[in-house]
PDB file of N, CA and C in Angstrom:
ATOM      1  N   MET A   1      13.039 -11.587   4.389  1.00  0.00           N
ATOM      2  CA  MET A   1      12.647 -10.733   3.274  1.00  0.00           C
ATOM      3  C   MET A   1      12.029  -9.455   3.826  1.00  0.00           C
ATOM      4  N   LEU A   2      12.364  -8.339   3.230  1.00  0.00           N
ATOM      5  CA  LEU A   2      11.894  -7.027   3.649  1.00  0.00           C
ATOM      6  C   LEU A   2      10.747  -6.587   2.746  1.00  0.00           C
ATOM      7  N   SER A   3       9.715  -6.044   3.339  1.00  0.00           N
ATOM      8  CA  SER A   3       8.605  -5.463   2.593  1.00  0.00           C
ATOM      9  C   SER A   3       8.798  -3.954   2.550  1.00  0.00           C
ATOM     10  N   THR A   4       8.337  -3.305   1.494  1.00  0.00           N
ATOM     11  CA  THR A   4       8.415  -1.842   1.459  1.00  0.00           C
ATOM     12  C   THR A   4       7.653  -1.248   2.641  1.00  0.00           C
ATOM     13  N   LEU A   5       6.646  -1.935   3.142  1.00  0.00           N
ATOM     14  CA  LEU A   5       5.894  -1.437   4.300  1.00  0.00           C
ATOM     15  C   LEU A   5       6.794  -1.270   5.519  1.00  0.00           C
ATOM     16  N   ASP A   6       7.840  -2.072   5.623  1.00  0.00           N
ATOM     17  CA  ASP A   6       8.780  -1.966   6.737  1.00  0.00           C
ATOM     18  C   ASP A   6       9.582  -0.665   6.689  1.00  0.00           C
ATOM     19  N   LEU A   7       9.607   0.003   5.559  1.00  0.00           N
ATOM     20  CA  LEU A   7      10.396   1.223   5.397  1.00  0.00           C
ATOM     21  C   LEU A   7       9.661   2.478   5.847  1.00  0.00           C
ATOM     22  N   PHE A   8       8.363   2.384   6.100  1.00  0.00           N
ATOM     23  CA  PHE A   8       7.541   3.572   6.325  1.00  0.00           C
ATOM     24  C   PHE A   8       7.266   3.892   7.790  1.00  0.00           C
ATOM     25  N   GLU A   9       7.832   3.175   8.715  1.00  0.00           N
ATOM     26  CA  GLU A   9       7.441   3.298  10.113  1.00  0.00           C
ATOM     27  C   GLU A   9       8.039   4.488  10.848  1.00  0.00           C
ATOM     28  N   ARG A  10       9.116   5.063  10.374  1.00  0.00           N
ATOM     29  CA  ARG A  10       9.837   6.081  11.149  1.00  0.00           C
ATOM     30  C   ARG A  10       9.596   7.508  10.692  1.00  0.00           C
ATOM     31  N   GLY A  11       9.015   7.701   9.557  1.00  0.00           N
ATOM     32  CA  GLY A  11       8.806   9.047   9.042  1.00  0.00           C
ATOM     33  C   GLY A  11       8.477   8.978   7.564  1.00  0.00           C
ATOM     34  N   PHE A  12       8.582  10.079   6.894  1.00  0.00           N
ATOM     35  CA  PHE A  12       8.342  10.105   5.457  1.00  0.00           C
ATOM     36  C   PHE A  12       9.453   9.343   4.747  1.00  0.00           C
ATOM     37  N   THR A  13       9.102   8.749   3.613  1.00  0.00           N
ATOM     38  CA  THR A  13      10.054   7.936   2.863  1.00  0.00           C
ATOM     39  C   THR A  13       9.940   8.248   1.384  1.00  0.00           C
ATOM     40  N   VAL A  14      11.083   8.441   0.741  1.00  0.00           N
ATOM     41  CA  VAL A  14      11.142   8.589  -0.715  1.00  0.00           C
ATOM     42  C   VAL A  14      11.639   7.262  -1.278  1.00  0.00           C
ATOM     43  N   LEU A  15      10.906   6.708  -2.228  1.00  0.00           N
ATOM     44  CA  LEU A  15      11.320   5.495  -2.929  1.00  0.00           C
ATOM     45  C   LEU A  15      11.557   5.831  -4.393  1.00  0.00           C
ATOM     46  N   THR A  16      12.662   5.335  -4.921  1.00  0.00           N
ATOM     47  CA  THR A  16      12.986   5.543  -6.325  1.00  0.00           C
ATOM     48  C   THR A  16      13.495   4.239  -6.920  1.00  0.00           C
ATOM     49  N   ARG A  17      13.580   4.222  -8.212  1.00  0.00           N
ATOM     50  CA  ARG A  17      14.344   3.177  -8.887  1.00  0.00           C
ATOM     51  C   ARG A  17      15.805   3.640  -8.850  1.00  0.00           C
ATOM     52  N   PRO A  18      16.762   2.781  -9.143  1.00  0.00           N
ATOM     53  CA  PRO A  18      18.165   3.226  -9.138  1.00  0.00           C
ATOM     54  C   PRO A  18      18.438   4.419 -10.058  1.00  0.00           C
ATOM     55  N   ASP A  19      17.668   4.565 -11.134  1.00  0.00           N
ATOM     56  CA  ASP A  19      17.881   5.701 -12.037  1.00  0.00           C
ATOM     57  C   ASP A  19      17.233   6.988 -11.525  1.00  0.00           C
ATOM     58  N   GLY A  20      16.616   6.944 -10.349  1.00  0.00           N
ATOM     59  CA  GLY A  20      15.973   8.119  -9.780  1.00  0.00           C
ATOM     60  C   GLY A  20      16.608   8.592  -8.484  1.00  0.00           C
ATOM     61  N   LYS A  21      17.860   8.230  -8.266  1.00  0.00           N
ATOM     62  CA  LYS A  21      18.525   8.579  -7.001  1.00  0.00           C
ATOM     63  C   LYS A  21      18.599  10.084  -6.753  1.00  0.00           C
ATOM     64  N   VAL A  22      18.472  10.887  -7.791  1.00  0.00           N
ATOM     65  CA  VAL A  22      18.488  12.340  -7.621  1.00  0.00           C
ATOM     66  C   VAL A  22      17.329  12.776  -6.728  1.00  0.00           C
ATOM     67  N   TRP A  23      16.199  12.062  -6.799  1.00  0.00           N
ATOM     68  CA  TRP A  23      15.058  12.364  -5.928  1.00  0.00           C
ATOM     69  C   TRP A  23      15.404  12.083  -4.468  1.00  0.00           C
ATOM     70  N   ALA A  24      16.092  10.985  -4.214  1.00  0.00           N
ATOM     71  CA  ALA A  24      16.479  10.631  -2.846  1.00  0.00           C
ATOM     72  C   ALA A  24      17.380  11.722  -2.265  1.00  0.00           C
ATOM     73  N   LYS A  25      18.342  12.157  -3.039  1.00  0.00           N
ATOM     74  CA  LYS A  25      19.264  13.199  -2.589  1.00  0.00           C
ATOM     75  C   LYS A  25      18.503  14.504  -2.327  1.00  0.00           C
ATOM     76  N   ALA A  26      17.625  14.877  -3.231  1.00  0.00           N
ATOM     77  CA  ALA A  26      16.834  16.101  -3.068  1.00  0.00           C
ATOM     78  C   ALA A  26      15.927  16.002  -1.848  1.00  0.00           C
ATOM     79  N   GLY A  27      15.288  14.867  -1.670  1.00  0.00           N
ATOM     80  CA  GLY A  27      14.404  14.675  -0.528  1.00  0.00           C
ATOM     81  C   GLY A  27      15.138  14.796   0.793  1.00  0.00           C
ATOM     82  N   ARG A  28      16.297  14.173   0.888  1.00  0.00           N
ATOM     83  CA  ARG A  28      17.092  14.252   2.124  1.00  0.00           C
ATOM     84  C   ARG A  28      17.502  15.694   2.427  1.00  0.00           C
ATOM     85  N   ARG A  29      17.947  16.392   1.395  1.00  0.00           N
ATOM     86  CA  ARG A  29      18.411  17.766   1.583  1.00  0.00           C
ATOM     87  C   ARG A  29      17.257  18.684   2.025  1.00  0.00           C
ATOM     88  N   VAL A  30      16.118  18.576   1.363  1.00  0.00           N
ATOM     89  CA  VAL A  30      14.968  19.420   1.702  1.00  0.00           C
ATOM     90  C   VAL A  30      14.440  19.087   3.091  1.00  0.00           C
ATOM     91  N   ALA A  31      14.299  17.800   3.390  1.00  0.00           N
ATOM     92  CA  ALA A  31      13.776  17.383   4.692  1.00  0.00           C
ATOM     93  C   ALA A  31      14.673  17.862   5.824  1.00  0.00           C
ATOM     94  N   GLU A  32      15.974  17.772   5.617  1.00  0.00           N
ATOM     95  CA  GLU A  32      16.902  18.245   6.648  1.00  0.00           C
ATOM     96  C   GLU A  32      16.696  19.739   6.899  1.00  0.00           C
ATOM     97  N   GLY A  33      16.553  20.503   5.831  1.00  0.00           N
ATOM     98  CA  GLY A  33      16.328  21.936   5.970  1.00  0.00           C
ATOM     99  C   GLY A  33      15.015  22.271   6.654  1.00  0.00           C
ATOM    100  N   LEU A  34      14.011  21.429   6.481  1.00  0.00           N
ATOM    101  CA  LEU A  34      12.706  21.651   7.089  1.00  0.00           C
ATOM    102  C   LEU A  34      12.574  21.005   8.460  1.00  0.00           C
ATOM    103  N   GLY A  35      13.580  20.223   8.857  1.00  0.00           N
ATOM    104  CA  GLY A  35      13.519  19.528  10.143  1.00  0.00           C
ATOM    105  C   GLY A  35      12.526  18.382  10.155  1.00  0.00           C
ATOM    106  N   ILE A  36      12.373  17.714   9.022  1.00  0.00           N
ATOM    107  CA  ILE A  36      11.424  16.609   8.875  1.00  0.00           C
ATOM    108  C   ILE A  36      12.204  15.301   8.759  1.00  0.00           C
ATOM    109  N   PRO A  37      11.842  14.288   9.559  1.00  0.00           N
ATOM    110  CA  PRO A  37      12.517  12.999   9.379  1.00  0.00           C
ATOM    111  C   PRO A  37      12.114  12.367   8.041  1.00  0.00           C
ATOM    112  N   LEU A  38      13.101  11.973   7.265  1.00  0.00           N
ATOM    113  CA  LEU A  38      12.833  11.390   5.956  1.00  0.00           C
ATOM    114  C   LEU A  38      13.931  10.387   5.632  1.00  0.00           C
ATOM    115  N   ALA A  39      13.511   9.236   5.160  1.00  0.00           N
ATOM    116  CA  ALA A  39      14.439   8.218   4.662  1.00  0.00           C
ATOM    117  C   ALA A  39      14.241   8.126   3.154  1.00  0.00           C
ATOM    118  N   ALA A  40      15.266   7.712   2.443  1.00  0.00           N
ATOM    119  CA  ALA A  40      15.170   7.582   0.988  1.00  0.00           C
ATOM    120  C   ALA A  40      15.905   6.328   0.557  1.00  0.00           C
ATOM    121  N   PHE A  41      15.266   5.579  -0.349  1.00  0.00           N
ATOM    122  CA  PHE A  41      15.828   4.316  -0.796  1.00  0.00           C
ATOM    123  C   PHE A  41      15.608   4.139  -2.294  1.00  0.00           C
ATOM    124  N   ALA A  42      16.614   3.581  -2.961  1.00  0.00           N
ATOM    125  CA  ALA A  42      16.483   3.161  -4.358  1.00  0.00           C
ATOM    126  C   ALA A  42      16.268   1.655  -4.354  1.00  0.00           C
ATOM    127  N   ILE A  43      15.279   1.213  -5.119  1.00  0.00           N
ATOM    128  CA  ILE A  43      14.925  -0.209  -5.142  1.00  0.00           C
ATOM    129  C   ILE A  43      15.147  -0.761  -6.544  1.00  0.00           C
ATOM    130  N   GLY A  44      15.878  -1.846  -6.617  1.00  0.00           N
ATOM    131  CA  GLY A  44      16.156  -2.510  -7.884  1.00  0.00           C
ATOM    132  C   GLY A  44      17.641  -2.758  -8.042  1.00  0.00           C
ATOM    133  N   PRO A  45      18.051  -3.304  -9.164  1.00  0.00           N
ATOM    134  CA  PRO A  45      19.462  -3.622  -9.394  1.00  0.00           C
ATOM    135  C   PRO A  45      20.357  -2.401  -9.222  1.00  0.00           C
ATOM    136  N   GLY A  46      21.338  -2.493  -8.338  1.00  0.00           N
ATOM    137  CA  GLY A  46      22.238  -1.390  -8.070  1.00  0.00           C
ATOM    138  C   GLY A  46      21.719  -0.404  -7.045  1.00  0.00           C
ATOM    139  N   GLY A  47      20.534  -0.654  -6.485  1.00  0.00           N
ATOM    140  CA  GLY A  47      19.954   0.239  -5.497  1.00  0.00           C
ATOM    141  C   GLY A  47      20.229  -0.228  -4.080  1.00  0.00           C
ATOM    142  N   ASP A  48      19.509   0.349  -3.137  1.00  0.00           N
ATOM    143  CA  ASP A  48      19.663  -0.012  -1.728  1.00  0.00           C
ATOM    144  C   ASP A  48      19.072  -1.383  -1.425  1.00  0.00           C
ATOM    145  N   PHE A  49      18.029  -1.734  -2.153  1.00  0.00           N
ATOM    146  CA  PHE A  49      17.365  -3.021  -1.973  1.00  0.00           C
ATOM    147  C   PHE A  49      17.098  -3.644  -3.336  1.00  0.00           C
ATOM    148  N   GLU A  50      17.296  -4.934  -3.435  1.00  0.00           N
ATOM    149  CA  GLU A  50      16.936  -5.678  -4.649  1.00  0.00           C
ATOM    150  C   GLU A  50      15.437  -5.955  -4.606  1.00  0.00           C
ATOM    151  N   GLU A  51      14.861  -6.148  -5.752  1.00  0.00           N
ATOM    152  CA  GLU A  51      13.436  -6.493  -5.840  1.00  0.00           C
ATOM    153  C   GLU A  51      13.332  -7.586  -6.884  1.00  0.00           C
ATOM    154  N   PRO A  52      13.312  -8.851  -6.428  1.00  0.00           N
ATOM    155  CA  PRO A  52      13.419  -9.988  -7.354  1.00  0.00           C
ATOM    156  C   PRO A  52      12.343 -10.044  -8.439  1.00  0.00           C
ATOM    157  N   GLU A  53      11.140  -9.619  -8.124  1.00  0.00           N
ATOM    158  CA  GLU A  53      10.058  -9.713  -9.106  1.00  0.00           C
ATOM    159  C   GLU A  53      10.084  -8.565 -10.107  1.00  0.00           C
ATOM    160  N   GLY A  54      10.736  -7.460  -9.747  1.00  0.00           N
ATOM    161  CA  GLY A  54      10.853  -6.334 -10.661  1.00  0.00           C
ATOM    162  C   GLY A  54       9.556  -5.615 -10.965  1.00  0.00           C
ATOM    163  N   ARG A  55       8.599  -5.657 -10.039  1.00  0.00           N
ATOM    164  CA  ARG A  55       7.277  -5.067 -10.300  1.00  0.00           C
ATOM    165  C   ARG A  55       6.949  -3.854  -9.444  1.00  0.00           C
ATOM    166  N   TRP A  56       7.733  -3.575  -8.419  1.00  0.00           N
ATOM    167  CA  TRP A  56       7.320  -2.546  -7.473  1.00  0.00           C
ATOM    168  C   TRP A  56       7.139  -1.189  -8.143  1.00  0.00           C
ATOM    169  N   ALA A  57       8.013  -0.813  -9.080  1.00  0.00           N
ATOM    170  CA  ALA A  57       7.894   0.495  -9.731  1.00  0.00           C
ATOM    171  C   ALA A  57       6.587   0.595 -10.519  1.00  0.00           C
ATOM    172  N   ASP A  58       6.203  -0.473 -11.182  1.00  0.00           N
ATOM    173  CA  ASP A  58       4.921  -0.477 -11.899  1.00  0.00           C
ATOM    174  C   ASP A  58       3.755  -0.349 -10.920  1.00  0.00           C
ATOM    175  N   LEU A  59       3.844  -1.048  -9.800  1.00  0.00           N
ATOM    176  CA  LEU A  59       2.778  -0.991  -8.801  1.00  0.00           C
ATOM    177  C   LEU A  59       2.640   0.404  -8.190  1.00  0.00           C
ATOM    178  N   TYR A  60       3.753   1.121  -8.097  1.00  0.00           N
ATOM    179  CA  TYR A  60       3.736   2.483  -7.549  1.00  0.00           C
ATOM    180  C   TYR A  60       3.563   3.543  -8.638  1.00  0.00           C
ATOM    181  N   GLY A  61       3.460   3.131  -9.885  1.00  0.00           N
ATOM    182  CA  GLY A  61       3.227   4.068 -10.986  1.00  0.00           C
ATOM    183  C   GLY A  61       4.438   4.877 -11.377  1.00  0.00           C
ATOM    184  N   LEU A  62       5.640   4.303 -11.269  1.00  0.00           N
ATOM    185  CA  LEU A  62       6.866   5.032 -11.582  1.00  0.00           C
ATOM    186  C   LEU A  62       7.467   4.586 -12.898  1.00  0.00           C
ATOM    187  N   GLY A  63       7.889   5.556 -13.676  1.00  0.00           N
ATOM    188  CA  GLY A  63       8.651   5.282 -14.880  1.00  0.00           C
ATOM    189  C   GLY A  63      10.115   5.570 -14.611  1.00  0.00           C
ATOM    190  N   ALA A  64      10.901   5.651 -15.670  1.00  0.00           N
ATOM    191  CA  ALA A  64      12.331   5.927 -15.537  1.00  0.00           C
ATOM    192  C   ALA A  64      12.543   7.263 -14.820  1.00  0.00           C
ATOM    193  N   GLY A  65      13.380   7.260 -13.794  1.00  0.00           N
ATOM    194  CA  GLY A  65      13.710   8.478 -13.072  1.00  0.00           C
ATOM    195  C   GLY A  65      12.646   8.964 -12.120  1.00  0.00           C
ATOM    196  N   GLY A  66      11.594   8.202 -11.888  1.00  0.00           N
ATOM    197  CA  GLY A  66      10.498   8.631 -11.030  1.00  0.00           C
ATOM    198  C   GLY A  66      10.750   8.397  -9.554  1.00  0.00           C
ATOM    199  N   ALA A  67       9.844   8.934  -8.722  1.00  0.00           N
ATOM    200  CA  ALA A  67       9.948   8.785  -7.274  1.00  0.00           C
ATOM    201  C   ALA A  67       8.563   8.883  -6.655  1.00  0.00           C
ATOM    202  N   VAL A  68       8.468   8.341  -5.457  1.00  0.00           N
ATOM    203  CA  VAL A  68       7.226   8.423  -4.702  1.00  0.00           C
ATOM    204  C   VAL A  68       7.571   8.817  -3.269  1.00  0.00           C
ATOM    205  N   LEU A  69       6.757   9.696  -2.686  1.00  0.00           N
ATOM    206  CA  LEU A  69       6.887  10.112  -1.297  1.00  0.00           C
ATOM    207  C   LEU A  69       5.775   9.432  -0.525  1.00  0.00           C
ATOM    208  N   VAL A  70       6.155   8.667   0.487  1.00  0.00           N
ATOM    209  CA  VAL A  70       5.188   7.888   1.260  1.00  0.00           C
ATOM    210  C   VAL A  70       5.131   8.434   2.680  1.00  0.00           C
ATOM    211  N   ARG A  71       3.901   8.617   3.172  1.00  0.00           N
ATOM    212  CA  ARG A  71       3.705   9.075   4.549  1.00  0.00           C
ATOM    213  C   ARG A  71       4.057   7.953   5.521  1.00  0.00           C
ATOM    214  N   PRO A  72       4.262   8.286   6.794  1.00  0.00           N
ATOM    215  CA  PRO A  72       4.577   7.247   7.778  1.00  0.00           C
ATOM    216  C   PRO A  72       3.491   6.178   7.925  1.00  0.00           C
ATOM    217  N   ASP A  73       2.259   6.510   7.558  1.00  0.00           N
ATOM    218  CA  ASP A  73       1.177   5.509   7.645  1.00  0.00           C
ATOM    219  C   ASP A  73       1.094   4.631   6.400  1.00  0.00           C
ATOM    220  N   GLY A  74       2.029   4.804   5.456  1.00  0.00           N
ATOM    221  CA  GLY A  74       2.084   3.953   4.276  1.00  0.00           C
ATOM    222  C   GLY A  74       1.312   4.462   3.075  1.00  0.00           C
ATOM    223  N   HIS A  75       0.630   5.595   3.202  1.00  0.00           N
ATOM    224  CA  HIS A  75      -0.115   6.152   2.074  1.00  0.00           C
ATOM    225  C   HIS A  75       0.803   7.017   1.202  1.00  0.00           C
ATOM    226  N   VAL A  76       0.600   6.939  -0.096  1.00  0.00           N
ATOM    227  CA  VAL A  76       1.378   7.756  -1.022  1.00  0.00           C
ATOM    228  C   VAL A  76       0.914   9.201  -0.897  1.00  0.00           C
ATOM    229  N   ALA A  77       1.862  10.090  -0.612  1.00  0.00           N
ATOM    230  CA  ALA A  77       1.560  11.506  -0.459  1.00  0.00           C
ATOM    231  C   ALA A  77       1.798  12.280  -1.750  1.00  0.00           C
ATOM    232  N   TRP A  78       2.729  11.781  -2.561  1.00  0.00           N
ATOM    233  CA  TRP A  78       3.118  12.494  -3.779  1.00  0.00           C
ATOM    234  C   TRP A  78       3.850  11.509  -4.687  1.00  0.00           C
ATOM    235  N   ARG A  79       3.777  11.769  -5.999  1.00  0.00           N
ATOM    236  CA  ARG A  79       4.470  10.904  -6.958  1.00  0.00           C
ATOM    237  C   ARG A  79       4.903  11.722  -8.165  1.00  0.00           C
ATOM    238  N   SER A  80       6.092  11.419  -8.645  1.00  0.00           N
ATOM    239  CA  SER A  80       6.553  11.923  -9.929  1.00  0.00           C
ATOM    240  C   SER A  80       6.819  10.694 -10.786  1.00  0.00           C
ATOM    241  N   ARG A  81       6.093  10.553 -11.844  1.00  0.00           N
ATOM    242  CA  ARG A  81       6.240   9.358 -12.691  1.00  0.00           C
ATOM    243  C   ARG A  81       7.606   9.300 -13.373  1.00  0.00           C
ATOM    244  N   GLY A  82       8.255  10.464 -13.513  1.00  0.00           N
ATOM    245  CA  GLY A  82       9.570  10.514 -14.158  1.00  0.00           C
ATOM    246  C   GLY A  82      10.455  11.544 -13.494  1.00  0.00           C
ATOM    247  N   SER A  83      11.500  11.914 -14.180  1.00  0.00           N
ATOM    248  CA  SER A  83      12.464  12.864 -13.632  1.00  0.00           C
ATOM    249  C   SER A  83      11.922  14.292 -13.713  1.00  0.00           C
ATOM    250  N   ALA A  84      12.661  15.213 -13.089  1.00  0.00           N
ATOM    251  CA  ALA A  84      12.290  16.630 -13.111  1.00  0.00           C
ATOM    252  C   ALA A  84      13.551  17.461 -13.317  1.00  0.00           C
ATOM    253  N   ILE A  85      13.381  18.645 -13.856  1.00  0.00           N
ATOM    254  CA  ILE A  85      14.517  19.525 -14.087  1.00  0.00           C
ATOM    255  C   ILE A  85      15.076  20.042 -12.759  1.00  0.00           C
ATOM    256  N   GLU A  86      14.198  20.355 -11.805  1.00  0.00           N
ATOM    257  CA  GLU A  86      14.613  20.875 -10.504  1.00  0.00           C
ATOM    258  C   GLU A  86      14.011  20.015  -9.393  1.00  0.00           C
ATOM    259  N   PRO A  87      14.535  18.821  -9.166  1.00  0.00           N
ATOM    260  CA  PRO A  87      13.924  17.912  -8.185  1.00  0.00           C
ATOM    261  C   PRO A  87      13.881  18.473  -6.767  1.00  0.00           C
ATOM    262  N   GLU A  88      14.852  19.278  -6.399  1.00  0.00           N
ATOM    263  CA  GLU A  88      14.847  19.830  -5.040  1.00  0.00           C
ATOM    264  C   GLU A  88      13.672  20.791  -4.845  1.00  0.00           C
ATOM    265  N   SER A  89      13.404  21.621  -5.832  1.00  0.00           N
ATOM    266  CA  SER A  89      12.275  22.544  -5.762  1.00  0.00           C
ATOM    267  C   SER A  89      10.952  21.777  -5.733  1.00  0.00           C
ATOM    268  N   VAL A  90      10.832  20.760  -6.562  1.00  0.00           N
ATOM    269  CA  VAL A  90       9.617  19.945  -6.602  1.00  0.00           C
ATOM    270  C   VAL A  90       9.417  19.234  -5.264  1.00  0.00           C
ATOM    271  N   MET A  91      10.487  18.684  -4.721  1.00  0.00           N
ATOM    272  CA  MET A  91      10.390  17.975  -3.448  1.00  0.00           C
ATOM    273  C   MET A  91      10.038  18.924  -2.306  1.00  0.00           C
ATOM    274  N   ARG A  92      10.565  20.136  -2.335  1.00  0.00           N
ATOM    275  CA  ARG A  92      10.233  21.126  -1.305  1.00  0.00           C
ATOM    276  C   ARG A  92       8.736  21.436  -1.348  1.00  0.00           C
ATOM    277  N   THR A  93       8.208  21.626  -2.531  1.00  0.00           N
ATOM    278  CA  THR A  93       6.776  21.900  -2.663  1.00  0.00           C
ATOM    279  C   THR A  93       5.956  20.724  -2.150  1.00  0.00           C
ATOM    280  N   ALA A  94       6.341  19.515  -2.516  1.00  0.00           N
ATOM    281  CA  ALA A  94       5.606  18.323  -2.076  1.00  0.00           C
ATOM    282  C   ALA A  94       5.634  18.196  -0.559  1.00  0.00           C
ATOM    283  N   LEU A  95       6.796  18.312   0.033  1.00  0.00           N
ATOM    284  CA  LEU A  95       6.902  18.135   1.483  1.00  0.00           C
ATOM    285  C   LEU A  95       6.163  19.224   2.253  1.00  0.00           C
ATOM    286  N   THR A  96       6.247  20.471   1.801  1.00  0.00           N
ATOM    287  CA  THR A  96       5.559  21.533   2.531  1.00  0.00           C
ATOM    288  C   THR A  96       4.045  21.417   2.423  1.00  0.00           C
ATOM    289  N   LYS A  97       3.560  20.759   1.386  1.00  0.00           N
ATOM    290  CA  LYS A  97       2.112  20.563   1.252  1.00  0.00           C
ATOM    291  C   LYS A  97       1.585  19.401   2.074  1.00  0.00           C
ATOM    292  N   VAL A  98       2.406  18.379   2.304  1.00  0.00           N
ATOM    293  CA  VAL A  98       1.896  17.174   2.966  1.00  0.00           C
ATOM    294  C   VAL A  98       2.275  17.062   4.434  1.00  0.00           C
ATOM    295  N   VAL A  99       3.217  17.901   4.902  1.00  0.00           N
ATOM    296  CA  VAL A  99       3.629  17.820   6.302  1.00  0.00           C
ATOM    297  C   VAL A  99       2.902  18.911   7.077  1.00  0.00           C
ATOM    298  N   PRO A 100       2.165  18.514   8.110  1.00  0.00           N
ATOM    299  CA  PRO A 100       1.461  19.522   8.903  1.00  0.00           C
ATOM    300  C   PRO A 100       2.450  20.407   9.653  1.00  0.00           C
ATOM    301  N   ARG A 101       2.196  21.674   9.657  1.00  0.00           N
ATOM    302  CA  ARG A 101       3.064  22.645  10.361  1.00  0.00           C
ATOM    303  C   ARG A 101       2.255  23.435  11.332  1.00  0.00           C
TER     304      ARG A 101
END
């Protein structure tokens, strides 16, 4: 069994529900442009990982279309409880604020 903690060891990580995959795509695109290592995963039915208890999104404070950006040390750096009109712009702002340059 995989823990979400296992996903945070290599760099920044974006976690979404399957209905929030737009955040994962935006995060990957922005991180690549900034030269920041970032992984992105959708958790739940139809996502990258199943979650049998179905509680992780509630524990992370996510609603439909939401996402969370987690630092490599496992701390939440940023969260969007739901979707956004311009997720790439929002993700760029989040990453530039939390990544030391």
